[in-house]
């Protein structure tokens, strides 16, 4: 976050989207909070089962980063 390389932006974005879609609408909505937490946990487990880590620095080691006008360099990210 903030360019630190500690968390994969795709994972952070996905968890944020889960919170928007399934998160609680009031502080007392414990059921929605628990459901959203479970979904985030499943996302984390699925991602780490496939990639072993969520650390951006580790995931992108050796990658060729695309800049503006270079979408072909990021094609591997779509897989």
PDB file of N, CA and C in Angstrom:
ATOM      1  N   UNK A   1       0.831  -1.173   0.000  1.00  0.00           N
ATOM      2  CA  UNK A   1       0.000   0.000   0.000  1.00  0.00           C
ATOM      3  C   UNK A   1       0.873   1.233   0.000  1.00  0.00           C
ATOM      4  N   UNK A   2       0.467   2.203  -0.735  1.00  0.00           N
ATOM      5  CA  UNK A   2       1.254   3.415  -0.817  1.00  0.00           C
ATOM      6  C   UNK A   2       2.610   3.209  -1.458  1.00  0.00           C
ATOM      7  N   UNK A   3       2.700   2.202  -2.333  1.00  0.00           N
ATOM      8  CA  UNK A   3       3.957   1.923  -3.011  1.00  0.00           C
ATOM      9  C   UNK A   3       4.951   1.132  -2.186  1.00  0.00           C
ATOM     10  N   UNK A   4       4.519   0.619  -1.033  1.00  0.00           N
ATOM     11  CA  UNK A   4       5.430  -0.128  -0.160  1.00  0.00           C
ATOM     12  C   UNK A   4       5.771  -1.502  -0.703  1.00  0.00           C
ATOM     13  N   UNK A   5       4.914  -2.037  -1.573  1.00  0.00           N
ATOM     14  CA  UNK A   5       5.163  -3.361  -2.137  1.00  0.00           C
ATOM     15  C   UNK A   5       4.787  -4.494  -1.212  1.00  0.00           C
ATOM     16  N   UNK A   6       4.112  -4.171  -0.115  1.00  0.00           N
ATOM     17  CA  UNK A   6       3.805  -5.208   0.874  1.00  0.00           C
ATOM     18  C   UNK A   6       2.532  -5.990   0.577  1.00  0.00           C
ATOM     19  N   UNK A   7       1.594  -5.411  -0.110  1.00  0.00           N
ATOM     20  CA  UNK A   7       0.343  -6.110  -0.385  1.00  0.00           C
ATOM     21  C   UNK A   7      -0.006  -5.971  -1.859  1.00  0.00           C
ATOM     22  N   UNK A   8      -0.438  -7.064  -2.454  1.00  0.00           N
ATOM     23  CA  UNK A   8      -0.844  -7.067  -3.855  1.00  0.00           C
ATOM     24  C   UNK A   8      -2.079  -6.179  -4.023  1.00  0.00           C
ATOM     25  N   UNK A   9      -1.987  -5.222  -4.922  1.00  0.00           N
ATOM     26  CA  UNK A   9      -3.102  -4.317  -5.163  1.00  0.00           C
ATOM     27  C   UNK A   9      -4.364  -5.022  -5.623  1.00  0.00           C
ATOM     28  N   UNK A  10      -4.214  -6.120  -6.348  1.00  0.00           N
ATOM     29  CA  UNK A  10      -5.385  -6.880  -6.792  1.00  0.00           C
ATOM     30  C   UNK A  10      -6.116  -7.479  -5.599  1.00  0.00           C
ATOM     31  N   UNK A  11      -5.373  -7.969  -4.621  1.00  0.00           N
ATOM     32  CA  UNK A  11      -5.988  -8.548  -3.419  1.00  0.00           C
ATOM     33  C   UNK A  11      -6.640  -7.447  -2.590  1.00  0.00           C
ATOM     34  N   UNK A  12      -5.942  -6.345  -2.396  1.00  0.00           N
ATOM     35  CA  UNK A  12      -6.496  -5.227  -1.636  1.00  0.00           C
ATOM     36  C   UNK A  12      -7.771  -4.712  -2.306  1.00  0.00           C
ATOM     37  N   UNK A  13      -7.746  -4.572  -3.622  1.00  0.00           N
ATOM     38  CA  UNK A  13      -8.925  -4.120  -4.349  1.00  0.00           C
ATOM     39  C   UNK A  13     -10.082  -5.091  -4.245  1.00  0.00           C
ATOM     40  N   UNK A  14      -9.775  -6.380  -4.325  1.00  0.00           N
ATOM     41  CA  UNK A  14     -10.826  -7.395  -4.226  1.00  0.00           C
ATOM     42  C   UNK A  14     -11.463  -7.398  -2.842  1.00  0.00           C
ATOM     43  N   UNK A  15     -10.657  -7.267  -1.802  1.00  0.00           N
ATOM     44  CA  UNK A  15     -11.197  -7.229  -0.438  1.00  0.00           C
ATOM     45  C   UNK A  15     -12.022  -5.959  -0.240  1.00  0.00           C
ATOM     46  N   UNK A  16     -11.577  -4.856  -0.807  1.00  0.00           N
ATOM     47  CA  UNK A  16     -12.353  -3.613  -0.731  1.00  0.00           C
ATOM     48  C   UNK A  16     -13.705  -3.776  -1.419  1.00  0.00           C
ATOM     49  N   UNK A  17     -13.705  -4.423  -2.578  1.00  0.00           N
ATOM     50  CA  UNK A  17     -14.957  -4.665  -3.302  1.00  0.00           C
ATOM     51  C   UNK A  17     -15.888  -5.566  -2.498  1.00  0.00           C
ATOM     52  N   UNK A  18     -15.322  -6.581  -1.842  1.00  0.00           N
ATOM     53  CA  UNK A  18     -16.146  -7.445  -0.992  1.00  0.00           C
ATOM     54  C   UNK A  18     -16.795  -6.632   0.120  1.00  0.00           C
ATOM     55  N   UNK A  19     -16.029  -5.729   0.713  1.00  0.00           N
ATOM     56  CA  UNK A  19     -16.575  -4.882   1.771  1.00  0.00           C
ATOM     57  C   UNK A  19     -17.705  -4.000   1.272  1.00  0.00           C
ATOM     58  N   UNK A  20     -17.548  -3.453   0.079  1.00  0.00           N
ATOM     59  CA  UNK A  20     -18.600  -2.616  -0.494  1.00  0.00           C
ATOM     60  C   UNK A  20     -19.856  -3.419  -0.810  1.00  0.00           C
ATOM     61  N   UNK A  21     -19.670  -4.620  -1.324  1.00  0.00           N
ATOM     62  CA  UNK A  21     -20.813  -5.440  -1.736  1.00  0.00           C
ATOM     63  C   UNK A  21     -21.497  -6.159  -0.572  1.00  0.00           C
ATOM     64  N   UNK A  22     -20.704  -6.662   0.371  1.00  0.00           N
ATOM     65  CA  UNK A  22     -21.258  -7.550   1.396  1.00  0.00           C
ATOM     66  C   UNK A  22     -21.043  -7.066   2.824  1.00  0.00           C
ATOM     67  N   UNK A  23     -20.388  -5.940   2.996  1.00  0.00           N
ATOM     68  CA  UNK A  23     -20.091  -5.431   4.335  1.00  0.00           C
ATOM     69  C   UNK A  23     -21.329  -4.924   5.049  1.00  0.00           C
ATOM     70  N   UNK A  24     -21.141  -4.628   6.305  1.00  0.00           N
ATOM     71  CA  UNK A  24     -22.268  -4.175   7.124  1.00  0.00           C
ATOM     72  C   UNK A  24     -22.711  -2.770   6.747  1.00  0.00           C
ATOM     73  N   UNK A  25     -23.997  -2.549   6.943  1.00  0.00           N
ATOM     74  CA  UNK A  25     -24.567  -1.238   6.656  1.00  0.00           C
ATOM     75  C   UNK A  25     -24.708  -0.405   7.916  1.00  0.00           C
ATOM     76  N   UNK A  26     -24.544  -1.042   9.062  1.00  0.00           N
ATOM     77  CA  UNK A  26     -24.569  -0.332  10.340  1.00  0.00           C
ATOM     78  C   UNK A  26     -23.580  -1.024  11.277  1.00  0.00           C
ATOM     79  N   UNK A  27     -23.076  -0.313  12.277  1.00  0.00           N
ATOM     80  CA  UNK A  27     -22.100  -0.916  13.189  1.00  0.00           C
ATOM     81  C   UNK A  27     -22.609  -2.171  13.903  1.00  0.00           C
ATOM     82  N   UNK A  28     -23.916  -2.289  14.044  1.00  0.00           N
ATOM     83  CA  UNK A  28     -24.475  -3.439  14.762  1.00  0.00           C
ATOM     84  C   UNK A  28     -24.745  -4.651  13.868  1.00  0.00           C
ATOM     85  N   UNK A  29     -24.469  -4.557  12.583  1.00  0.00           N
ATOM     86  CA  UNK A  29     -24.745  -5.650  11.643  1.00  0.00           C
ATOM     87  C   UNK A  29     -23.643  -6.712  11.719  1.00  0.00           C
ATOM     88  N   UNK A  30     -23.684  -7.495  12.773  1.00  0.00           N
ATOM     89  CA  UNK A  30     -22.655  -8.498  13.046  1.00  0.00           C
ATOM     90  C   UNK A  30     -22.676  -9.625  12.012  1.00  0.00           C
ATOM     91  N   UNK A  31     -23.845 -10.016  11.547  1.00  0.00           N
ATOM     92  CA  UNK A  31     -23.947 -11.116  10.579  1.00  0.00           C
ATOM     93  C   UNK A  31     -23.263 -10.748   9.259  1.00  0.00           C
ATOM     94  N   UNK A  32     -23.513  -9.540   8.768  1.00  0.00           N
ATOM     95  CA  UNK A  32     -22.880  -9.108   7.516  1.00  0.00           C
ATOM     96  C   UNK A  32     -21.370  -9.006   7.694  1.00  0.00           C
ATOM     97  N   UNK A  33     -20.945  -8.526   8.847  1.00  0.00           N
ATOM     98  CA  UNK A  33     -19.512  -8.415   9.125  1.00  0.00           C
ATOM     99  C   UNK A  33     -18.845  -9.787   9.105  1.00  0.00           C
ATOM    100  N   UNK A  34     -19.478 -10.760   9.743  1.00  0.00           N
ATOM    101  CA  UNK A  34     -18.926 -12.123   9.779  1.00  0.00           C
ATOM    102  C   UNK A  34     -18.897 -12.737   8.380  1.00  0.00           C
ATOM    103  N   UNK A  35     -19.957 -12.516   7.598  1.00  0.00           N
ATOM    104  CA  UNK A  35     -20.021 -13.053   6.236  1.00  0.00           C
ATOM    105  C   UNK A  35     -18.919 -12.441   5.364  1.00  0.00           C
ATOM    106  N   UNK A  36     -18.757 -11.135   5.458  1.00  0.00           N
ATOM    107  CA  UNK A  36     -17.740 -10.445   4.669  1.00  0.00           C
ATOM    108  C   UNK A  36     -16.343 -10.910   5.078  1.00  0.00           C
ATOM    109  N   UNK A  37     -16.128 -11.098   6.371  1.00  0.00           N
ATOM    110  CA  UNK A  37     -14.835 -11.578   6.859  1.00  0.00           C
ATOM    111  C   UNK A  37     -14.544 -12.968   6.302  1.00  0.00           C
ATOM    112  N   UNK A  38     -15.556 -13.826   6.245  1.00  0.00           N
ATOM    113  CA  UNK A  38     -15.380 -15.169   5.701  1.00  0.00           C
ATOM    114  C   UNK A  38     -15.033 -15.115   4.209  1.00  0.00           C
ATOM    115  N   UNK A  39     -15.708 -14.254   3.468  1.00  0.00           N
ATOM    116  CA  UNK A  39     -15.408 -14.106   2.041  1.00  0.00           C
ATOM    117  C   UNK A  39     -13.974 -13.618   1.830  1.00  0.00           C
ATOM    118  N   UNK A  40     -13.542 -12.658   2.625  1.00  0.00           N
ATOM    119  CA  UNK A  40     -12.173 -12.144   2.521  1.00  0.00           C
ATOM    120  C   UNK A  40     -11.163 -13.230   2.876  1.00  0.00           C
ATOM    121  N   UNK A  41     -11.485 -14.027   3.883  1.00  0.00           N
ATOM    122  CA  UNK A  41     -10.605 -15.137   4.277  1.00  0.00           C
ATOM    123  C   UNK A  41     -10.480 -16.151   3.142  1.00  0.00           C
ATOM    124  N   UNK A  42     -11.610 -16.491   2.511  1.00  0.00           N
ATOM    125  CA  UNK A  42     -11.595 -17.439   1.393  1.00  0.00           C
ATOM    126  C   UNK A  42     -10.785 -16.887   0.217  1.00  0.00           C
ATOM    127  N   UNK A  43     -10.936 -15.603  -0.063  1.00  0.00           N
ATOM    128  CA  UNK A  43     -10.159 -14.974  -1.130  1.00  0.00           C
ATOM    129  C   UNK A  43      -8.666 -15.081  -0.825  1.00  0.00           C
ATOM    130  N   UNK A  44      -8.291 -14.753   0.392  1.00  0.00           N
ATOM    131  CA  UNK A  44      -6.885 -14.815   0.802  1.00  0.00           C
ATOM    132  C   UNK A  44      -6.354 -16.239   0.691  1.00  0.00           C
ATOM    133  N   UNK A  45      -7.117 -17.207   1.175  1.00  0.00           N
ATOM    134  CA  UNK A  45      -6.681 -18.611   1.123  1.00  0.00           C
ATOM    135  C   UNK A  45      -6.537 -19.096  -0.317  1.00  0.00           C
ATOM    136  N   UNK A  46      -7.485 -18.737  -1.172  1.00  0.00           N
ATOM    137  CA  UNK A  46      -7.431 -19.148  -2.574  1.00  0.00           C
ATOM    138  C   UNK A  46      -6.232 -18.519  -3.278  1.00  0.00           C
ATOM    139  N   UNK A  47      -6.025 -17.233  -3.041  1.00  0.00           N
ATOM    140  CA  UNK A  47      -4.905 -16.536  -3.675  1.00  0.00           C
ATOM    141  C   UNK A  47      -3.570 -17.099  -3.198  1.00  0.00           C
ATOM    142  N   UNK A  48      -3.424 -17.286  -1.893  1.00  0.00           N
ATOM    143  CA  UNK A  48      -2.148 -17.794  -1.379  1.00  0.00           C
ATOM    144  C   UNK A  48      -1.931 -19.258  -1.737  1.00  0.00           C
ATOM    145  N   UNK A  49      -2.994 -20.024  -1.926  1.00  0.00           N
ATOM    146  CA  UNK A  49      -2.832 -21.415  -2.369  1.00  0.00           C
ATOM    147  C   UNK A  49      -2.234 -21.448  -3.774  1.00  0.00           C
ATOM    148  N   UNK A  50      -2.618 -20.477  -4.588  1.00  0.00           N
ATOM    149  CA  UNK A  50      -2.115 -20.440  -5.961  1.00  0.00           C
ATOM    150  C   UNK A  50      -0.755 -19.743  -6.071  1.00  0.00           C
ATOM    151  N   UNK A  51      -0.573 -18.643  -5.335  1.00  0.00           N
ATOM    152  CA  UNK A  51       0.621 -17.808  -5.506  1.00  0.00           C
ATOM    153  C   UNK A  51       1.584 -17.849  -4.317  1.00  0.00           C
ATOM    154  N   UNK A  52       1.208 -18.499  -3.248  1.00  0.00           N
ATOM    155  CA  UNK A  52       1.988 -18.677  -2.011  1.00  0.00           C
ATOM    156  C   UNK A  52       2.085 -17.437  -1.138  1.00  0.00           C
ATOM    157  N   UNK A  53       1.993 -16.253  -1.687  1.00  0.00           N
ATOM    158  CA  UNK A  53       2.114 -15.008  -0.926  1.00  0.00           C
ATOM    159  C   UNK A  53       1.167 -13.953  -1.492  1.00  0.00           C
ATOM    160  N   UNK A  54       0.950 -12.874  -0.716  1.00  0.00           N
ATOM    161  CA  UNK A  54       0.227 -11.720  -1.255  1.00  0.00           C
ATOM    162  C   UNK A  54       1.143 -10.499  -1.331  1.00  0.00           C
ATOM    163  N   UNK A  55       2.413 -10.698  -1.079  1.00  0.00           N
ATOM    164  CA  UNK A  55       3.399  -9.614  -1.106  1.00  0.00           C
ATOM    165  C   UNK A  55       3.695  -9.217  -2.553  1.00  0.00           C
ATOM    166  N   UNK A  56       3.375  -7.994  -2.912  1.00  0.00           N
ATOM    167  CA  UNK A  56       3.582  -7.512  -4.282  1.00  0.00           C
ATOM    168  C   UNK A  56       5.045  -7.617  -4.701  1.00  0.00           C
ATOM    169  N   UNK A  57       5.937  -7.288  -3.780  1.00  0.00           N
ATOM    170  CA  UNK A  57       7.370  -7.334  -4.095  1.00  0.00           C
ATOM    171  C   UNK A  57       7.791  -8.728  -4.532  1.00  0.00           C
ATOM    172  N   UNK A  58       7.273  -9.742  -3.854  1.00  0.00           N
ATOM    173  CA  UNK A  58       7.607 -11.129  -4.194  1.00  0.00           C
ATOM    174  C   UNK A  58       6.907 -11.538  -5.481  1.00  0.00           C
ATOM    175  N   UNK A  59       5.625 -11.218  -5.593  1.00  0.00           N
ATOM    176  CA  UNK A  59       4.846 -11.605  -6.768  1.00  0.00           C
ATOM    177  C   UNK A  59       5.376 -10.988  -8.054  1.00  0.00           C
ATOM    178  N   UNK A  60       5.867  -9.765  -7.976  1.00  0.00           N
ATOM    179  CA  UNK A  60       6.290  -9.076  -9.192  1.00  0.00           C
ATOM    180  C   UNK A  60       7.797  -9.135  -9.434  1.00  0.00           C
ATOM    181  N   UNK A  61       8.507  -9.890  -8.617  1.00  0.00           N
ATOM    182  CA  UNK A  61       9.960 -10.005  -8.802  1.00  0.00           C
ATOM    183  C   UNK A  61      10.269 -10.504 -10.212  1.00  0.00           C
ATOM    184  N   UNK A  62      11.091  -9.796 -10.917  1.00  0.00           N
ATOM    185  CA  UNK A  62      11.479 -10.188 -12.267  1.00  0.00           C
ATOM    186  C   UNK A  62      10.488  -9.797 -13.343  1.00  0.00           C
ATOM    187  N   UNK A  63       9.398  -9.162 -12.960  1.00  0.00           N
ATOM    188  CA  UNK A  63       8.377  -8.784 -13.942  1.00  0.00           C
ATOM    189  C   UNK A  63       8.802  -7.537 -14.702  1.00  0.00           C
ATOM    190  N   UNK A  64       8.338  -7.446 -15.910  1.00  0.00           N
ATOM    191  CA  UNK A  64       8.543  -6.250 -16.717  1.00  0.00           C
ATOM    192  C   UNK A  64       7.308  -5.388 -16.510  1.00  0.00           C
ATOM    193  N   UNK A  65       7.476  -4.239 -15.896  1.00  0.00           N
ATOM    194  CA  UNK A  65       6.330  -3.383 -15.585  1.00  0.00           C
ATOM    195  C   UNK A  65       5.975  -2.505 -16.775  1.00  0.00           C
ATOM    196  N   UNK A  66       4.691  -2.421 -17.033  1.00  0.00           N
ATOM    197  CA  UNK A  66       4.197  -1.634 -18.159  1.00  0.00           C
ATOM    198  C   UNK A  66       3.982  -0.190 -17.739  1.00  0.00           C
ATOM    199  N   UNK A  67       4.285   0.693 -18.628  1.00  0.00           N
ATOM    200  CA  UNK A  67       4.018   2.106 -18.422  1.00  0.00           C
ATOM    201  C   UNK A  67       2.894   2.535 -19.342  1.00  0.00           C
ATOM    202  N   UNK A  68       2.551   3.808 -19.306  1.00  0.00           N
ATOM    203  CA  UNK A  68       1.514   4.303 -20.210  1.00  0.00           C
ATOM    204  C   UNK A  68       1.880   4.001 -21.663  1.00  0.00           C
ATOM    205  N   UNK A  69       0.942   3.473 -22.407  1.00  0.00           N
ATOM    206  CA  UNK A  69       1.174   3.159 -23.808  1.00  0.00           C
ATOM    207  C   UNK A  69       1.903   1.852 -24.043  1.00  0.00           C
ATOM    208  N   UNK A  70       2.077   1.043 -22.998  1.00  0.00           N
ATOM    209  CA  UNK A  70       2.779  -0.240 -23.125  1.00  0.00           C
ATOM    210  C   UNK A  70       1.942  -1.412 -22.599  1.00  0.00           C
ATOM    211  N   UNK A  71       0.667  -1.503 -22.981  1.00  0.00           N
ATOM    212  CA  UNK A  71      -0.176  -2.566 -22.429  1.00  0.00           C
ATOM    213  C   UNK A  71       0.316  -3.967 -22.768  1.00  0.00           C
ATOM    214  N   UNK A  72       1.055  -4.127 -23.850  1.00  0.00           N
ATOM    215  CA  UNK A  72       1.560  -5.451 -24.234  1.00  0.00           C
ATOM    216  C   UNK A  72       2.506  -6.012 -23.174  1.00  0.00           C
ATOM    217  N   UNK A  73       3.167  -5.145 -22.406  1.00  0.00           N
ATOM    218  CA  UNK A  73       4.077  -5.618 -21.365  1.00  0.00           C
ATOM    219  C   UNK A  73       3.331  -6.201 -20.167  1.00  0.00           C
ATOM    220  N   UNK A  74       2.046  -5.878 -20.032  1.00  0.00           N
ATOM    221  CA  UNK A  74       1.263  -6.354 -18.894  1.00  0.00           C
ATOM    222  C   UNK A  74       0.369  -7.533 -19.250  1.00  0.00           C
ATOM    223  N   UNK A  75       0.515  -8.081 -20.438  1.00  0.00           N
ATOM    224  CA  UNK A  75      -0.362  -9.176 -20.879  1.00  0.00           C
ATOM    225  C   UNK A  75      -0.303 -10.365 -19.929  1.00  0.00           C
ATOM    226  N   UNK A  76       0.854 -10.622 -19.326  1.00  0.00           N
ATOM    227  CA  UNK A  76       0.993 -11.769 -18.416  1.00  0.00           C
ATOM    228  C   UNK A  76       0.136 -11.611 -17.162  1.00  0.00           C
ATOM    229  N   UNK A  77      -0.258 -10.400 -16.827  1.00  0.00           N
ATOM    230  CA  UNK A  77      -1.064 -10.157 -15.626  1.00  0.00           C
ATOM    231  C   UNK A  77      -2.514 -10.584 -15.808  1.00  0.00           C
ATOM    232  N   UNK A  78      -2.942 -10.775 -17.024  1.00  0.00           N
ATOM    233  CA  UNK A  78      -4.337 -11.097 -17.311  1.00  0.00           C
ATOM    234  C   UNK A  78      -4.619 -12.583 -17.171  1.00  0.00           C
ATOM    235  N   UNK A  79      -3.591 -13.403 -17.170  1.00  0.00           N
ATOM    236  CA  UNK A  79      -3.769 -14.857 -17.106  1.00  0.00           C
ATOM    237  C   UNK A  79      -4.524 -15.291 -15.882  1.00  0.00           C
TER     238      UNK A  79
END
